[in-house]
Amino acid sequence: MITAAARRPVFDLGHRRGHDTLISWAERSGHRQAGQSARCGLRFAFYGRVSTEDHQDPVTSRARQRDQAVALVAGSGWIVAEFFDVGHSRVLPWARRPQAAALLAALADPGCQFDAIVIGEYERAFYGPQYSLMAPLFEHYGVQLWMPEAGG
């Protein structure tokens, strides 16, 4: 069972206190070049997933999850990259899902083009202890994790 504490963002670096705090964090993280316009906000990578087992239409599911993610980050930044797995079970670790693995590779790239990850739907991204296993990796790379179920 996932507790409410496990669903909180990896970092709470001021997205409730103000936009400037987020920009300051992004500049310190090394993922954003100092001097970029502060009005731009955070750059997000979107991650979503749909399994063929539940007979959902991948196009509809992707659109719904992405719309939810866009609404969540509105006013704080925009989505610059998208990773969406189709037909891969959530029980698979991220490294074994093609798009999740690509997201992790982008995360490790020194030229990473995003400051945060927004998840389309928690239950589609994580299963069992996966969140607790992934959180230290996100923290290591200084990338925030935003989830609709946690309100940011």
Protein backbone atom coordinates (compact mmCIF):
# COMPACT_ATOMS: atom_id res chain seq x y z
CA MET A 1 0.00 0.00 0.00
CA ILE A 2 1.31 3.44 -0.91
CA THR A 3 1.07 5.91 1.92
CA ALA A 4 0.29 9.58 1.51
CA ALA A 5 3.88 10.36 2.51
CA ALA A 6 5.18 8.18 -0.34
CA ARG A 7 3.11 10.17 -2.84
CA ARG A 8 4.56 13.52 -1.87
CA PRO A 9 6.94 15.11 -4.39
CA VAL A 10 10.56 14.17 -3.93
CA PHE A 11 11.31 17.83 -3.29
CA ASP A 12 9.16 20.65 -2.01
CA LEU A 13 11.33 23.53 -3.09
CA GLY A 14 8.87 26.34 -3.01
CA HIS A 15 6.33 25.61 -5.71
CA ARG A 16 3.73 26.65 -3.15
CA ARG A 17 5.71 29.69 -2.02
CA GLY A 18 6.43 31.21 -5.37
CA HIS A 19 7.76 30.92 -8.85
CA ASP A 20 11.09 32.66 -8.09
CA THR A 21 12.09 29.95 -5.63
CA LEU A 22 11.65 27.30 -8.33
CA ILE A 23 13.74 29.26 -10.79
CA SER A 24 16.49 29.69 -8.20
CA TRP A 25 16.47 25.96 -7.53
CA ALA A 26 16.60 25.14 -11.24
CA GLU A 27 19.56 27.44 -11.76
CA ARG A 28 21.42 25.86 -8.83
CA SER A 29 20.62 22.33 -10.04
CA GLY A 30 22.82 22.77 -13.09
CA HIS A 31 20.02 21.73 -15.43
CA ARG A 32 19.25 25.33 -16.36
CA GLN A 33 21.73 27.85 -17.66
CA ALA A 34 22.00 30.88 -15.40
CA GLY A 35 20.52 33.96 -16.99
CA GLN A 36 17.63 32.22 -18.75
CA SER A 37 14.44 34.17 -18.45
CA ALA A 38 12.78 33.61 -15.07
CA ARG A 39 9.35 33.89 -16.68
CA CYS A 40 9.90 30.57 -18.45
CA GLY A 41 9.56 28.37 -15.36
CA LEU A 42 10.57 24.76 -14.99
CA ARG A 43 11.08 22.43 -17.91
CA PHE A 44 9.18 19.17 -17.40
CA ALA A 45 9.50 15.71 -18.86
CA PHE A 46 6.14 13.94 -19.02
CA TYR A 47 5.98 10.21 -18.25
CA GLY A 48 2.92 8.09 -18.81
CA ARG A 49 2.09 4.47 -19.48
CA VAL A 50 -0.76 2.32 -20.71
CA SER A 51 -0.94 -1.46 -20.67
CA THR A 52 -2.65 -3.47 -23.36
CA GLU A 53 -3.98 -5.78 -20.64
CA ASP A 54 -6.62 -3.31 -19.48
CA HIS A 55 -7.95 -2.83 -23.03
CA GLN A 56 -7.50 0.94 -22.94
CA ASP A 57 -6.93 2.86 -26.11
CA PRO A 58 -3.32 4.12 -25.97
CA VAL A 59 -4.16 7.37 -27.79
CA THR A 60 -7.03 8.25 -25.46
CA SER A 61 -5.11 7.22 -22.34
CA ARG A 62 -2.04 9.22 -23.37
CA ALA A 63 -4.14 12.31 -24.08
CA ARG A 64 -5.93 12.05 -20.72
CA GLN A 65 -2.71 11.56 -18.76
CA ARG A 66 -0.92 14.35 -20.64
CA ASP A 67 -3.82 16.77 -20.18
CA GLN A 68 -3.75 16.03 -16.46
CA ALA A 69 0.01 16.65 -16.36
CA VAL A 70 -0.28 19.90 -18.34
CA ALA A 71 -2.95 21.17 -15.95
CA LEU A 72 -0.73 20.31 -12.98
CA VAL A 73 2.33 22.21 -14.21
CA ALA A 74 0.41 25.20 -15.60
CA GLY A 75 1.85 28.38 -14.16
CA SER A 76 5.04 26.63 -13.02
CA GLY A 77 6.54 25.60 -16.35
CA TRP A 78 5.92 23.58 -19.47
CA ILE A 79 6.48 20.08 -20.85
CA VAL A 80 9.55 19.87 -23.09
CA ALA A 81 9.93 16.09 -23.40
CA GLU A 82 7.54 13.16 -23.46
CA PHE A 83 8.05 9.52 -22.57
CA PHE A 84 5.06 7.19 -22.90
CA ASP A 85 5.20 3.41 -22.64
CA VAL A 86 2.55 1.33 -24.42
CA GLY A 87 2.06 -2.35 -23.68
CA HIS A 88 4.56 -2.69 -20.85
CA SER A 89 3.30 -3.76 -17.46
CA ARG A 90 3.75 -1.47 -14.46
CA VAL A 91 5.26 -4.41 -12.57
CA LEU A 92 8.33 -4.10 -14.79
CA PRO A 93 11.05 -1.90 -13.32
CA TRP A 94 11.59 1.41 -15.09
CA ALA A 95 14.84 0.16 -16.61
CA ARG A 96 12.87 -2.56 -18.46
CA ARG A 97 10.22 -0.25 -19.92
CA PRO A 98 11.61 1.33 -23.11
CA GLN A 99 10.34 4.89 -22.60
CA ALA A 100 10.97 4.94 -18.85
CA ALA A 101 14.51 3.70 -19.55
CA ALA A 102 14.95 6.49 -22.13
CA LEU A 103 13.78 9.01 -19.52
CA LEU A 104 16.36 7.67 -17.05
CA ALA A 105 19.08 7.91 -19.69
CA ALA A 106 18.09 11.53 -20.40
CA LEU A 107 18.13 12.21 -16.66
CA ALA A 108 21.72 10.97 -16.41
CA ASP A 109 22.85 13.04 -19.40
CA PRO A 110 24.85 16.11 -18.26
CA GLY A 111 22.96 18.11 -20.91
CA CYS A 112 19.57 17.06 -19.52
CA GLN A 113 16.87 19.23 -21.06
CA PHE A 114 14.42 19.13 -18.15
CA ASP A 115 14.33 20.20 -14.50
CA ALA A 116 11.43 18.06 -13.29
CA ILE A 117 9.34 15.02 -14.18
CA VAL A 118 5.55 15.12 -14.19
CA ILE A 119 3.77 11.78 -13.99
CA GLY A 120 0.51 11.33 -15.87
CA GLU A 121 -0.97 8.92 -13.33
CA TYR A 122 0.79 7.48 -10.28
CA GLU A 123 -0.70 3.97 -10.58
CA ARG A 124 0.50 3.67 -14.17
CA ALA A 125 4.04 4.80 -13.38
CA PHE A 126 4.78 3.00 -10.12
CA TYR A 127 3.96 -0.40 -8.67
CA GLY A 128 4.72 -1.76 -5.21
CA PRO A 129 7.99 -0.31 -3.88
CA GLN A 130 9.07 1.25 -7.20
CA TYR A 131 8.51 4.83 -6.04
CA SER A 132 10.71 4.35 -2.98
CA LEU A 133 13.37 2.78 -5.17
CA MET A 134 13.26 5.60 -7.75
CA ALA A 135 13.06 8.59 -5.37
CA PRO A 136 16.79 8.49 -4.45
CA LEU A 137 17.69 8.50 -8.15
CA PHE A 138 15.56 11.57 -8.82
CA GLU A 139 17.08 13.23 -5.76
CA HIS A 140 20.61 12.34 -6.90
CA TYR A 141 20.06 14.13 -10.21
CA GLY A 142 18.31 17.08 -8.53
CA VAL A 143 15.09 16.57 -10.48
CA GLN A 144 11.69 17.18 -8.92
CA LEU A 145 8.90 14.65 -9.31
CA TRP A 146 5.37 16.03 -9.68
CA MET A 147 2.28 13.81 -9.51
CA PRO A 148 -1.37 14.78 -10.00
CA GLU A 149 -2.48 12.61 -7.09
CA ALA A 150 -0.20 14.54 -4.74
CA GLY A 151 -1.28 17.93 -6.10
CA GLY A 152 2.18 18.76 -7.39
